[in-house]
Amino acid sequence: MIKVTIKLSSQTGVEQFKMIGHADSGPYGQDIVCAAASVLAINTINSVEQVAGVKPETKMDEENGGLLSASFPVIQNRDRLLQMQAILKSFVIGMQDISQNYSQFIKINIQD
């Protein structure tokens, strides 16, 4: 099972997410839940970098349980902050949708 933890800040919005585990919803290369969650997370990180111009701190470990985490810095520039948070809100919506449709393979924990 993939476990997703999303940490929120009351002042800025999403400040961190962490994904750990494997969905095991199908054979390797055909696991649509893993593919959906992975693409969404990686696209989110890439979009934050390329659209908002913000470099998150990331960690990956595919071998020891499947791990991807990203921490997003506090941004003083309001436009960049709004861009970054819009992308991150889209990530949260996407993960919630995947979790609702494939709850036996992925769980989300949102921490305020």
Protein backbone atom coordinates (compact mmCIF):
# COMPACT_ATOMS: atom_id res chain seq x y z
CA MET A 1 0.00 0.00 0.00
CA ILE A 2 1.11 3.55 -0.73
CA LYS A 3 0.84 5.87 2.24
CA VAL A 4 0.78 9.57 1.47
CA THR A 5 1.28 12.16 4.19
CA ILE A 6 0.62 15.80 3.34
CA LYS A 7 1.67 18.40 5.88
CA LEU A 8 -0.13 21.75 5.83
CA SER A 9 0.84 25.09 7.30
CA SER A 10 -1.94 27.39 8.45
CA GLN A 11 -0.12 30.36 6.92
CA THR A 12 1.16 29.11 3.57
CA GLY A 13 -0.65 25.87 2.65
CA VAL A 14 1.11 22.65 1.68
CA GLU A 15 4.63 22.61 3.05
CA GLN A 16 5.57 18.95 2.57
CA PHE A 17 4.42 15.62 1.20
CA LYS A 18 5.78 12.12 1.62
CA MET A 19 4.86 8.95 -0.23
CA ILE A 20 6.05 5.57 0.98
CA GLY A 21 5.28 2.02 -0.06
CA HIS A 22 4.07 0.23 -3.16
CA ALA A 23 0.47 -0.08 -4.36
CA ASP A 24 0.82 -3.67 -5.64
CA SER A 25 -2.42 -3.25 -7.58
CA GLY A 26 -1.01 -5.13 -10.54
CA PRO A 27 2.13 -6.72 -11.93
CA TYR A 28 5.27 -4.61 -12.19
CA GLY A 29 4.88 -2.31 -15.18
CA GLN A 30 1.09 -2.61 -15.12
CA ASP A 31 0.33 -1.12 -11.70
CA ILE A 32 -1.96 1.78 -12.60
CA VAL A 33 -2.28 3.06 -9.03
CA CYS A 34 1.50 3.27 -8.63
CA ALA A 35 1.80 4.91 -12.04
CA ALA A 36 -0.91 7.48 -11.29
CA ALA A 37 0.49 8.43 -7.88
CA SER A 38 4.08 8.54 -9.15
CA VAL A 39 3.30 10.66 -12.19
CA LEU A 40 1.22 13.06 -10.12
CA ALA A 41 3.96 13.49 -7.50
CA ILE A 42 6.84 13.85 -9.96
CA ASN A 43 4.85 16.23 -12.17
CA THR A 44 4.01 18.32 -9.10
CA ILE A 45 7.68 18.65 -8.16
CA ASN A 46 8.66 19.48 -11.75
CA SER A 47 5.84 22.02 -12.08
CA VAL A 48 6.76 23.76 -8.83
CA GLU A 49 10.32 24.09 -10.14
CA GLN A 50 9.48 25.14 -13.70
CA VAL A 51 6.31 27.21 -13.24
CA ALA A 52 6.79 28.76 -9.80
CA GLY A 53 10.58 28.82 -9.98
CA VAL A 54 10.92 27.17 -6.56
CA LYS A 55 13.31 24.31 -5.86
CA PRO A 56 11.87 21.89 -3.29
CA GLU A 57 14.07 19.63 -1.19
CA THR A 58 13.41 16.07 -2.39
CA LYS A 59 14.35 12.56 -1.30
CA MET A 60 13.85 9.34 -3.24
CA ASP A 61 14.51 5.71 -2.40
CA GLU A 62 12.90 3.19 -4.72
CA GLU A 63 14.65 0.18 -3.21
CA ASN A 64 13.80 0.43 0.50
CA GLY A 65 10.02 0.52 0.48
CA GLY A 66 9.50 3.14 -2.20
CA LEU A 67 9.93 6.67 -0.88
CA LEU A 68 9.42 10.08 -2.40
CA SER A 69 9.28 13.17 -0.24
CA ALA A 70 9.30 16.86 -1.04
CA SER A 71 9.57 19.86 1.26
CA PHE A 72 8.65 23.29 -0.02
CA PRO A 73 10.35 26.41 1.31
CA VAL A 74 8.59 29.49 2.61
CA ILE A 75 8.45 31.93 -0.29
CA GLN A 76 8.32 35.68 0.31
CA ASN A 77 7.36 36.51 -3.27
CA ARG A 78 3.53 36.46 -3.23
CA ASP A 79 3.15 35.57 -6.93
CA ARG A 80 5.53 32.62 -6.66
CA LEU A 81 3.85 31.49 -3.44
CA LEU A 82 0.41 31.57 -5.10
CA GLN A 83 1.70 29.67 -8.14
CA MET A 84 3.38 27.04 -5.98
CA GLN A 85 0.36 26.58 -3.72
CA ALA A 86 -2.03 26.28 -6.69
CA ILE A 87 0.14 23.46 -8.05
CA LEU A 88 0.31 21.81 -4.62
CA LYS A 89 -3.46 22.10 -4.12
CA SER A 90 -3.89 20.35 -7.46
CA PHE A 91 -1.61 17.57 -6.15
CA VAL A 92 -3.78 17.18 -3.04
CA ILE A 93 -6.98 17.01 -5.13
CA GLY A 94 -5.43 14.43 -7.45
CA MET A 95 -4.18 12.24 -4.60
CA GLN A 96 -7.55 12.43 -2.86
CA ASP A 97 -9.24 11.32 -6.07
CA ILE A 98 -6.86 8.38 -6.54
CA SER A 99 -7.34 7.42 -2.89
CA GLN A 100 -11.14 7.53 -3.17
CA ASN A 101 -11.13 5.32 -6.26
CA TYR A 102 -8.42 2.87 -5.13
CA SER A 103 -8.68 2.94 -1.33
CA GLN A 104 -7.38 -0.61 -0.97
CA PHE A 105 -4.04 0.48 -2.51
CA ILE A 106 -3.43 4.05 -1.33
CA LYS A 107 -4.19 6.01 1.86
CA ILE A 108 -3.80 9.73 2.49
CA ASN A 109 -3.16 11.46 5.79
CA ILE A 110 -3.45 15.25 5.77
CA GLN A 111 -1.83 16.89 8.79
CA ASP A 112 -2.73 20.44 9.79
